[in-house]
Amino acid sequence: MDDQLINILRTLVLSATPLTIAAIGETITERAGVINLSLDGSLALAAMAGFAAALATGSPEAGILAAMIVGALVAAIIAIASIELRLDQVAIGFVLTLLAADLAEFLGVPIAGQRVNGVPYWPLPILSDIPIIGRIFFDHNALVYFSYLLVIGTWFWLFRTRAGLAHRAIGERPEAAYARGTRVNFQRYIYVIVGGALIGLAGASYSLSVRVGWTTPPSMLGDGWIALAIVIFGGWHPARVMAGAYLFAGLRAVAGAIQSTDIAIPVTILNGLPWLLMIATLLVVSSGGIERLLRILPTSMQHRLRSLLRSDPPRALGTRFDEA
């Protein structure tokens, strides 16, 4: 394979990592029945906090920790507001994303343009030496490898453990889960905060891994909404969510590659191409287009693909549960 193509694919994997981590964090949250619409602002605020902490301490690890704390705190506000104060999750999340984004831009002015050491490059022994695949997937830093483990671990947790079954139950049928002894709201607190911490980690991935640095306005603004769309596209399933993140990163890579050629396409159209294709995909999924396409296939294949492509949201998503 051509070295240039390998480098493009390698960059694609790196750039998809924050989207993967953020979308998995949101998947964990929404599987528990809570919507965290603060994603876009949380990413920016966590990226700023992570960069500031790394700049102050000289340690990217400290930056990652600070970013995760910020993401968890923003998520905790949503959990408290929706569970204790009984406020609308969507409204609170939308207000918080605007507030967090503005805070990130305001507080980040003094550190904009400064330099800091990012997450260290760490090719995996043996695996990075595999021809082609090794360079694409195993020649990165620890955050990229963590995203692989996160997807596998989340899938195993949700679909292969009793605790994961309870996790899904509080997002699907909280009344039934409560009747079986599950502390619904307590677990929702845990999963919302864990999901928020992962969103914070995704923010640190932007400022300490993908593009080491901080600028105002933040370069990652908008990616939080994409991560939310990826969760829907992925049907709240970790493997499909990861595929969606890689698909969007690939569309961005294609748009960037076209810009470097002599093809006369306006830059605005190229930059909007990934967004347009993602919107088109969501419309197909939500309108039943996939179901109509499946009817063309043999019946045995329909059943297999239907379970794989199922995209029904958790039934109790966005609803409040009052424990007796």
Protein backbone atom coordinates (compact mmCIF):
# COMPACT_ATOMS: atom_id res chain seq x y z
CA MET A 1 0.00 0.00 0.00
CA ASP A 2 1.20 3.51 -0.81
CA ASP A 3 2.85 5.33 2.12
CA GLN A 4 0.73 8.43 1.53
CA LEU A 5 -2.49 6.42 1.80
CA ILE A 6 -1.24 4.70 4.96
CA ASN A 7 -0.46 8.09 6.51
CA ILE A 8 -3.95 9.35 5.59
CA LEU A 9 -5.57 6.32 7.22
CA ARG A 10 -3.32 6.65 10.25
CA THR A 11 -4.36 10.30 10.65
CA LEU A 12 -8.00 9.26 10.23
CA VAL A 13 -7.70 6.85 13.18
CA LEU A 14 -6.15 9.57 15.33
CA SER A 15 -8.77 12.17 14.45
CA ALA A 16 -11.62 9.71 15.04
CA THR A 17 -10.44 8.98 18.60
CA PRO A 18 -12.06 12.00 20.37
CA LEU A 19 -15.35 11.41 18.55
CA THR A 20 -15.27 7.73 19.51
CA ILE A 21 -14.60 8.44 23.19
CA ALA A 22 -17.20 11.23 23.38
CA ALA A 23 -19.86 9.17 21.59
CA ILE A 24 -19.26 6.14 23.83
CA GLY A 25 -19.53 8.42 26.88
CA GLU A 26 -22.87 9.69 25.58
CA THR A 27 -23.97 6.12 24.80
CA ILE A 28 -23.31 5.11 28.42
CA THR A 29 -25.31 8.13 29.59
CA GLU A 30 -28.26 7.62 27.26
CA ARG A 31 -28.41 3.88 27.93
CA ALA A 32 -29.24 4.92 31.49
CA GLY A 33 -32.13 7.08 30.27
CA VAL A 34 -30.50 10.52 30.52
CA ILE A 35 -29.69 12.89 27.64
CA ASN A 36 -26.53 14.98 28.00
CA LEU A 37 -26.94 17.77 25.46
CA SER A 38 -24.03 19.71 26.97
CA LEU A 39 -21.66 17.62 24.85
CA ASP A 40 -20.42 20.38 22.53
CA GLY A 41 -19.66 22.86 25.30
CA SER A 42 -18.26 20.15 27.59
CA LEU A 43 -15.75 19.11 24.94
CA ALA A 44 -14.51 22.67 24.54
CA LEU A 45 -14.35 23.44 28.27
CA ALA A 46 -12.60 20.14 29.02
CA ALA A 47 -10.12 20.70 26.18
CA MET A 48 -9.30 24.13 27.57
CA ALA A 49 -9.01 22.88 31.15
CA GLY A 50 -6.85 19.95 30.09
CA PHE A 51 -4.51 22.17 28.11
CA ALA A 52 -4.30 24.72 30.94
CA ALA A 53 -3.51 22.01 33.51
CA ALA A 54 -0.86 20.46 31.25
CA LEU A 55 0.65 23.91 30.69
CA ALA A 56 0.74 24.67 34.42
CA THR A 57 2.17 21.32 35.51
CA GLY A 58 4.12 20.23 32.47
CA SER A 59 2.27 16.92 32.64
CA PRO A 60 -0.24 15.78 29.98
CA GLU A 61 -1.51 13.21 32.49
CA ALA A 62 -2.53 16.06 34.82
CA GLY A 63 -4.23 17.70 31.87
CA ILE A 64 -6.21 14.55 31.12
CA LEU A 65 -7.29 14.26 34.76
CA ALA A 66 -8.39 17.91 34.86
CA ALA A 67 -10.38 17.50 31.65
CA MET A 68 -12.15 14.40 32.98
CA ILE A 69 -13.04 16.22 36.20
CA VAL A 70 -14.52 19.12 34.23
CA GLY A 71 -16.56 16.78 32.04
CA ALA A 72 -17.81 14.88 35.10
CA LEU A 73 -18.80 18.11 36.88
CA VAL A 74 -20.82 19.38 33.92
CA ALA A 75 -22.55 15.99 33.67
CA ALA A 76 -23.22 16.01 37.41
CA ILE A 77 -25.07 19.32 37.02
CA ILE A 78 -27.34 17.69 34.45
CA ALA A 79 -27.91 14.69 36.72
CA ILE A 80 -28.78 16.86 39.73
CA ALA A 81 -31.00 19.16 37.69
CA SER A 82 -32.95 16.32 36.10
CA ILE A 83 -33.14 13.89 39.03
CA GLU A 84 -33.31 16.11 42.10
CA LEU A 85 -34.71 19.38 40.70
CA ARG A 86 -36.91 17.64 38.10
CA LEU A 87 -35.94 20.05 35.35
CA ASP A 88 -36.08 19.25 31.64
CA GLN A 89 -32.91 17.41 30.56
CA VAL A 90 -32.90 18.87 27.06
CA ALA A 91 -33.27 22.46 28.25
CA ILE A 92 -30.57 22.11 30.91
CA GLY A 93 -28.18 20.45 28.48
CA PHE A 94 -28.70 23.09 25.84
CA VAL A 95 -28.09 25.93 28.30
CA LEU A 96 -24.99 24.21 29.66
CA THR A 97 -23.47 23.65 26.22
CA LEU A 98 -23.74 27.38 25.47
CA LEU A 99 -22.40 28.34 28.91
CA ALA A 100 -19.49 25.88 28.78
CA ALA A 101 -18.49 26.91 25.26
CA ASP A 102 -18.49 30.60 26.21
CA LEU A 103 -16.52 29.86 29.39
CA ALA A 104 -13.96 27.89 27.43
CA GLU A 105 -13.47 30.72 24.98
CA PHE A 106 -13.30 33.40 27.70
CA LEU A 107 -11.05 31.54 30.14
CA GLY A 108 -8.85 30.19 27.38
CA VAL A 109 -7.74 33.58 26.03
CA PRO A 110 -4.57 33.85 28.21
CA ILE A 111 -3.30 30.40 27.14
CA ALA A 112 -4.17 30.58 23.45
CA GLY A 113 -1.23 29.88 21.19
CA GLN A 114 1.09 28.60 23.93
CA ARG A 115 3.00 25.34 23.63
CA VAL A 116 2.82 22.25 25.80
CA ASN A 117 3.90 18.64 25.62
CA GLY A 118 1.09 16.46 24.35
CA VAL A 119 0.33 12.81 25.11
CA PRO A 120 3.55 10.87 24.39
CA TYR A 121 3.82 8.88 21.17
CA TRP A 122 3.84 5.18 22.05
CA PRO A 123 3.86 2.57 19.28
CA LEU A 124 2.77 -0.81 20.62
CA PRO A 125 5.57 -3.42 20.56
CA ILE A 126 5.09 -6.23 18.01
CA LEU A 127 1.64 -4.98 16.92
CA SER A 128 3.05 -1.79 15.40
CA ASP A 129 5.40 -3.91 13.29
CA ILE A 130 2.54 -5.68 11.48
CA PRO A 131 2.61 -4.58 7.83
CA ILE A 132 0.09 -1.86 6.98
CA ILE A 133 -2.34 -2.62 9.85
CA GLY A 134 0.32 -1.98 12.48
CA ARG A 135 1.14 1.47 11.12
CA ILE A 136 -2.52 2.42 10.78
CA PHE A 137 -3.88 1.20 14.13
CA PHE A 138 -0.99 0.59 16.54
CA ASP A 139 1.43 3.43 15.85
CA HIS A 140 -0.18 6.11 18.01
CA ASN A 141 -0.45 7.17 21.66
CA ALA A 142 -2.24 5.66 24.64
CA LEU A 143 -5.49 7.59 24.06
CA VAL A 144 -6.02 5.88 20.70
CA TYR A 145 -5.48 2.44 22.21
CA PHE A 146 -7.78 3.35 25.10
CA SER A 147 -10.56 4.09 22.60
CA TYR A 148 -10.27 0.54 21.25
CA LEU A 149 -10.48 -0.93 24.75
CA LEU A 150 -13.33 1.42 25.66
CA VAL A 151 -15.50 0.21 22.79
CA ILE A 152 -14.83 -3.46 23.57
CA GLY A 153 -15.25 -2.96 27.32
CA THR A 154 -18.50 -1.02 26.93
CA TRP A 155 -19.95 -3.68 24.61
CA PHE A 156 -18.99 -6.43 27.06
CA TRP A 157 -20.41 -4.47 30.00
CA LEU A 158 -23.75 -3.73 28.35
CA PHE A 159 -24.43 -7.09 26.71
CA ARG A 160 -22.47 -9.70 28.65
CA THR A 161 -22.81 -8.77 32.34
CA ARG A 162 -25.70 -8.68 34.83
CA ALA A 163 -24.71 -5.15 35.85
CA GLY A 164 -24.87 -4.14 32.19
CA LEU A 165 -28.34 -5.66 31.92
CA ALA A 166 -29.44 -3.52 34.87
CA HIS A 167 -27.79 -0.52 33.17
CA ARG A 168 -29.87 -1.05 30.04
CA ALA A 169 -32.98 -1.74 32.11
CA ILE A 170 -32.95 1.67 33.81
CA GLY A 171 -32.96 3.26 30.37
CA GLU A 172 -35.60 0.95 28.93
CA ARG A 173 -37.99 0.03 31.77
CA PRO A 174 -36.97 1.81 34.99
CA GLU A 175 -40.17 0.69 36.75
CA ALA A 176 -39.33 -2.97 36.14
CA ALA A 177 -35.72 -2.41 37.18
CA TYR A 178 -36.84 -0.70 40.38
CA ALA A 179 -39.24 -3.54 41.15
CA ARG A 180 -36.27 -5.95 40.93
CA GLY A 181 -34.34 -3.93 43.50
CA THR A 182 -32.27 -1.66 41.25
CA ARG A 183 -31.60 1.82 42.62
CA VAL A 184 -32.55 3.59 39.41
CA ASN A 185 -31.66 7.20 40.21
CA PHE A 186 -28.45 6.27 42.04
CA GLN A 187 -27.24 4.32 39.03
CA ARG A 188 -28.27 7.12 36.71
CA TYR A 189 -26.03 9.45 38.70
CA ILE A 190 -23.11 7.05 38.28
CA TYR A 191 -23.54 6.51 34.54
CA VAL A 192 -24.12 10.19 33.77
CA ILE A 193 -20.96 11.16 35.64
CA VAL A 194 -18.92 8.34 34.08
CA GLY A 195 -20.17 9.37 30.65
CA GLY A 196 -19.31 13.00 31.41
CA ALA A 197 -15.79 12.03 32.47
CA LEU A 198 -15.32 10.26 29.13
CA ILE A 199 -16.56 13.35 27.31
CA GLY A 200 -13.95 15.32 29.26
CA LEU A 201 -11.31 12.80 28.18
CA ALA A 202 -12.41 13.34 24.58
CA GLY A 203 -11.89 17.07 25.06
CA ALA A 204 -8.35 16.44 26.29
CA SER A 205 -7.79 14.25 23.23
CA TYR A 206 -8.37 17.29 21.04
CA SER A 207 -6.02 19.70 22.82
CA LEU A 208 -3.35 17.21 23.92
CA SER A 209 -3.33 14.61 21.14
CA VAL A 210 -5.01 15.36 17.82
CA ARG A 211 -3.87 18.99 17.58
CA VAL A 212 -1.73 19.87 20.57
CA GLY A 213 -2.62 23.43 21.52
CA TRP A 214 -5.49 25.77 22.27
CA THR A 215 -7.07 28.43 20.07
CA THR A 216 -9.99 30.81 20.44
CA PRO A 217 -12.56 30.12 19.16
CA PRO A 218 -12.06 26.42 19.95
CA SER A 219 -11.43 24.30 16.87
CA MET A 220 -13.57 21.41 18.13
CA LEU A 221 -16.81 23.39 18.44
CA GLY A 222 -19.51 21.52 16.54
CA ASP A 223 -18.00 18.09 17.13
CA GLY A 224 -20.20 17.57 20.19
CA TRP A 225 -23.31 17.74 18.02
CA ILE A 226 -21.67 15.30 15.62
CA ALA A 227 -20.97 12.92 18.51
CA LEU A 228 -24.66 13.10 19.49
CA ALA A 229 -25.64 12.30 15.90
CA ILE A 230 -23.17 9.41 15.85
CA VAL A 231 -24.86 7.89 18.92
CA ILE A 232 -28.18 7.90 17.05
CA PHE A 233 -26.53 6.64 13.87
CA GLY A 234 -24.90 3.87 15.87
CA GLY A 235 -28.17 2.76 17.43
CA TRP A 236 -26.73 3.14 20.96
CA HIS A 237 -24.45 0.16 20.22
CA PRO A 238 -20.71 0.65 20.98
CA ALA A 239 -19.38 -1.05 17.83
CA ARG A 240 -21.70 0.86 15.50
CA VAL A 241 -20.95 4.10 17.35
CA MET A 242 -17.24 3.57 16.70
CA ALA A 243 -18.00 2.85 13.04
CA GLY A 244 -19.94 6.10 12.84
CA ALA A 245 -17.04 8.06 14.34
CA TYR A 246 -14.63 6.55 11.81
CA LEU A 247 -17.08 7.22 8.99
CA PHE A 248 -17.33 10.90 9.87
CA ALA A 249 -13.55 11.20 10.28
CA GLY A 250 -13.18 9.52 6.90
CA LEU A 251 -15.56 11.99 5.27
CA ARG A 252 -13.52 14.83 6.72
CA ALA A 253 -10.33 13.24 5.39
CA VAL A 254 -11.89 12.95 1.91
CA ALA A 255 -12.96 16.60 2.02
CA GLY A 256 -9.45 17.62 3.07
CA ALA A 257 -7.87 15.51 0.32
CA ILE A 258 -10.10 17.10 -2.33
CA GLN A 259 -9.11 20.57 -1.14
CA SER A 260 -5.45 19.76 -1.81
CA THR A 261 -6.20 18.86 -5.45
CA ASP A 262 -7.05 21.03 -8.46
CA ILE A 263 -10.71 20.05 -8.39
CA ALA A 264 -12.74 23.28 -8.45
CA ILE A 265 -15.18 22.72 -5.56
CA PRO A 266 -15.87 25.59 -3.10
CA VAL A 267 -14.26 25.09 0.30
CA THR A 268 -17.57 25.77 2.06
CA ILE A 269 -19.22 22.84 0.29
CA LEU A 270 -16.30 20.54 1.09
CA ASN A 271 -16.34 21.51 4.79
CA GLY A 272 -20.09 20.92 4.93
CA LEU A 273 -19.96 17.58 3.10
CA PRO A 274 -19.49 15.40 6.22
CA TRP A 275 -22.36 17.19 7.97
CA LEU A 276 -24.69 16.81 4.99
CA LEU A 277 -23.95 13.12 4.59
CA MET A 278 -24.43 12.52 8.31
CA ILE A 279 -27.80 14.32 8.22
CA ALA A 280 -28.82 12.26 5.18
CA THR A 281 -27.85 9.06 6.99
CA LEU A 282 -29.87 10.03 10.08
CA LEU A 283 -32.90 10.79 7.89
CA VAL A 284 -32.64 7.36 6.29
CA VAL A 285 -32.36 5.68 9.69
CA SER A 286 -35.21 7.63 11.30
CA SER A 287 -37.61 7.41 8.33
CA GLY A 288 -37.48 3.64 8.06
CA GLY A 289 -35.36 3.68 4.91
CA ILE A 290 -33.15 0.88 6.20
CA GLU A 291 -36.18 -1.33 6.81
CA ARG A 292 -37.37 -0.81 3.22
CA LEU A 293 -33.91 -1.67 1.90
CA LEU A 294 -33.80 -4.83 3.99
CA ARG A 295 -37.01 -6.13 2.40
CA ILE A 296 -35.14 -6.56 -0.87
CA LEU A 297 -32.84 -9.16 0.72
CA PRO A 298 -33.57 -12.83 1.51
CA THR A 299 -35.55 -13.41 4.72
CA SER A 300 -32.70 -15.15 6.58
CA MET A 301 -30.36 -12.26 5.83
CA GLN A 302 -33.02 -9.73 6.85
CA HIS A 303 -33.19 -11.09 10.40
CA ARG A 304 -29.42 -10.96 10.85
CA LEU A 305 -29.01 -7.45 9.46
CA ARG A 306 -32.09 -6.13 11.28
CA SER A 307 -30.61 -7.00 14.67
CA LEU A 308 -27.28 -5.51 13.61
CA LEU A 309 -28.76 -2.27 12.25
CA ARG A 310 -31.46 -1.79 14.87
CA SER A 311 -31.52 1.84 16.02
CA ASP A 312 -34.37 2.15 18.51
CA PRO A 313 -33.57 4.60 21.33
CA PRO A 314 -33.88 3.52 24.97
CA ARG A 315 -37.59 3.72 25.76
CA ALA A 316 -37.17 5.80 28.91
CA LEU A 317 -34.63 8.18 27.37
CA GLY A 318 -35.13 11.73 28.63
CA THR A 319 -37.81 10.75 31.15
CA ARG A 320 -37.72 11.25 34.93
CA PHE A 321 -38.25 8.36 37.33
CA ASP A 322 -39.66 9.03 40.80
CA GLU A 323 -38.72 6.33 43.27
CA ALA A 324 -41.31 5.52 45.91
